[in-house]
Amino acid sequence: MKDVDLYLKVRHAVRIEGLSERAAARRFGIDPRTVNKMMKFSVPELCTGEPALRRGFPPRIERDRLQRRPQRGD
């Protein structure tokens, strides 16, 4: 797992400074795919390897919303 400080620096470089994800990867010496993942999630992945929750609905509300989604053929 990447250090939280690095996570914040990368997100700041891309979001605030306007650096491209590829340029941020070069600056911090990490893989561009890692930078892409850092930009997708607002917090680092958990120690268990499970991806962090995306911003949006809280998990319970999101689960309930998905369960009410109509199925094909209904």
C-alpha atoms as a PDB file:
ATOM      1  CA  MET A   1       0.000   0.000   0.000  1.00  0.00           C
ATOM      2  CA  LYS A   2       1.259   3.456  -0.849  1.00  0.00           C
ATOM      3  CA  ASP A   3       1.946   5.963   1.900  1.00  0.00           C
ATOM      4  CA  VAL A   4      -0.942   8.367   2.540  1.00  0.00           C
ATOM      5  CA  ASP A   5       1.395  11.359   2.129  1.00  0.00           C
ATOM      6  CA  LEU A   6       2.348  10.186  -1.365  1.00  0.00           C
ATOM      7  CA  TYR A   7      -1.333   9.628  -2.128  1.00  0.00           C
ATOM      8  CA  LEU A   8      -2.145  13.214  -1.169  1.00  0.00           C
ATOM      9  CA  LYS A   9       0.842  14.660  -3.064  1.00  0.00           C
ATOM     10  CA  VAL A  10      -0.112  12.816  -6.249  1.00  0.00           C
ATOM     11  CA  ARG A  11      -3.762  13.899  -6.036  1.00  0.00           C
ATOM     12  CA  HIS A  12      -2.685  17.507  -5.384  1.00  0.00           C
ATOM     13  CA  ALA A  13      -0.290  17.489  -8.342  1.00  0.00           C
ATOM     14  CA  VAL A  14      -2.966  16.234 -10.730  1.00  0.00           C
ATOM     15  CA  ARG A  15      -6.044  18.054  -9.410  1.00  0.00           C
ATOM     16  CA  ILE A  16      -4.601  21.381  -8.252  1.00  0.00           C
ATOM     17  CA  GLU A  17      -1.366  21.848 -10.205  1.00  0.00           C
ATOM     18  CA  GLY A  18      -2.926  20.478 -13.407  1.00  0.00           C
ATOM     19  CA  LEU A  19      -0.201  17.886 -13.999  1.00  0.00           C
ATOM     20  CA  SER A  20      -1.160  14.967 -16.221  1.00  0.00           C
ATOM     21  CA  GLU A  21      -1.386  11.538 -14.623  1.00  0.00           C
ATOM     22  CA  ARG A  22       1.576  10.341 -16.688  1.00  0.00           C
ATOM     23  CA  ALA A  23       3.706  13.347 -15.674  1.00  0.00           C
ATOM     24  CA  ALA A  24       2.771  12.806 -12.008  1.00  0.00           C
ATOM     25  CA  ALA A  25       3.849   9.166 -12.332  1.00  0.00           C
ATOM     26  CA  ARG A  26       7.237  10.305 -13.648  1.00  0.00           C
ATOM     27  CA  ARG A  27       7.607  12.947 -10.918  1.00  0.00           C
ATOM     28  CA  PHE A  28       6.888  10.536  -8.064  1.00  0.00           C
ATOM     29  CA  GLY A  29       8.483   7.440  -9.610  1.00  0.00           C
ATOM     30  CA  ILE A  30       5.359   5.278  -9.625  1.00  0.00           C
ATOM     31  CA  ASP A  31       3.436   3.430 -12.320  1.00  0.00           C
ATOM     32  CA  PRO A  32       0.872   5.478 -14.314  1.00  0.00           C
ATOM     33  CA  ARG A  33      -1.785   2.863 -13.503  1.00  0.00           C
ATOM     34  CA  THR A  34      -1.158   3.499  -9.807  1.00  0.00           C
ATOM     35  CA  VAL A  35      -1.721   7.228 -10.355  1.00  0.00           C
ATOM     36  CA  ASN A  36      -4.936   6.408 -12.197  1.00  0.00           C
ATOM     37  CA  LYS A  37      -6.171   4.355  -9.232  1.00  0.00           C
ATOM     38  CA  MET A  38      -5.194   7.146  -6.841  1.00  0.00           C
ATOM     39  CA  MET A  39      -7.347   9.544  -8.836  1.00  0.00           C
ATOM     40  CA  LYS A  40     -10.344   7.211  -8.909  1.00  0.00           C
ATOM     41  CA  PHE A  41     -10.571   6.765  -5.139  1.00  0.00           C
ATOM     42  CA  SER A  42     -10.739   9.518  -2.546  1.00  0.00           C
ATOM     43  CA  VAL A  43      -8.898   7.418   0.065  1.00  0.00           C
ATOM     44  CA  PRO A  44      -6.211   4.703  -0.266  1.00  0.00           C
ATOM     45  CA  GLU A  45      -7.097   1.027  -0.509  1.00  0.00           C
ATOM     46  CA  LEU A  46      -7.566  -0.788   2.759  1.00  0.00           C
ATOM     47  CA  CYS A  47      -4.844  -3.023   4.162  1.00  0.00           C
ATOM     48  CA  THR A  48      -6.967  -6.042   3.274  1.00  0.00           C
ATOM     49  CA  GLY A  49      -6.587  -5.283  -0.423  1.00  0.00           C
ATOM     50  CA  GLU A  50     -10.227  -4.335  -0.813  1.00  0.00           C
ATOM     51  CA  PRO A  51     -10.744  -1.183  -2.862  1.00  0.00           C
ATOM     52  CA  ALA A  52     -11.795   1.912  -0.951  1.00  0.00           C
ATOM     53  CA  LEU A  53     -15.333   3.177  -1.400  1.00  0.00           C
ATOM     54  CA  ARG A  54     -15.879   5.766  -4.065  1.00  0.00           C
ATOM     55  CA  ARG A  55     -17.404   9.038  -3.106  1.00  0.00           C
ATOM     56  CA  GLY A  56     -21.143   9.110  -3.406  1.00  0.00           C
ATOM     57  CA  PHE A  57     -23.853   7.362  -1.523  1.00  0.00           C
ATOM     58  CA  PRO A  58     -22.983   5.688   1.796  1.00  0.00           C
ATOM     59  CA  PRO A  59     -22.631   1.903   1.338  1.00  0.00           C
ATOM     60  CA  ARG A  60     -26.010   1.034   2.869  1.00  0.00           C
ATOM     61  CA  ILE A  61     -27.885   3.501   0.655  1.00  0.00           C
ATOM     62  CA  GLU A  62     -25.930   2.389  -2.425  1.00  0.00           C
ATOM     63  CA  ARG A  63     -26.720  -1.283  -1.681  1.00  0.00           C
ATOM     64  CA  ASP A  64     -30.422  -0.523  -1.234  1.00  0.00           C
ATOM     65  CA  ARG A  65     -30.488   1.526  -4.444  1.00  0.00           C
ATOM     66  CA  LEU A  66     -28.894  -1.309  -6.413  1.00  0.00           C
ATOM     67  CA  GLN A  67     -31.294  -3.903  -4.985  1.00  0.00           C
ATOM     68  CA  ARG A  68     -34.283  -1.875  -6.210  1.00  0.00           C
ATOM     69  CA  ARG A  69     -32.896  -1.653  -9.750  1.00  0.00           C
ATOM     70  CA  PRO A  70     -35.300  -3.400 -12.171  1.00  0.00           C
ATOM     71  CA  GLN A  71     -33.970  -6.642 -13.645  1.00  0.00           C
ATOM     72  CA  ARG A  72     -34.042  -7.456 -17.334  1.00  0.00           C
ATOM     73  CA  GLY A  73     -37.298  -9.021 -18.406  1.00  0.00           C
ATOM     74  CA  ASP A  74     -39.315  -7.444 -15.573  1.00  0.00           C
END
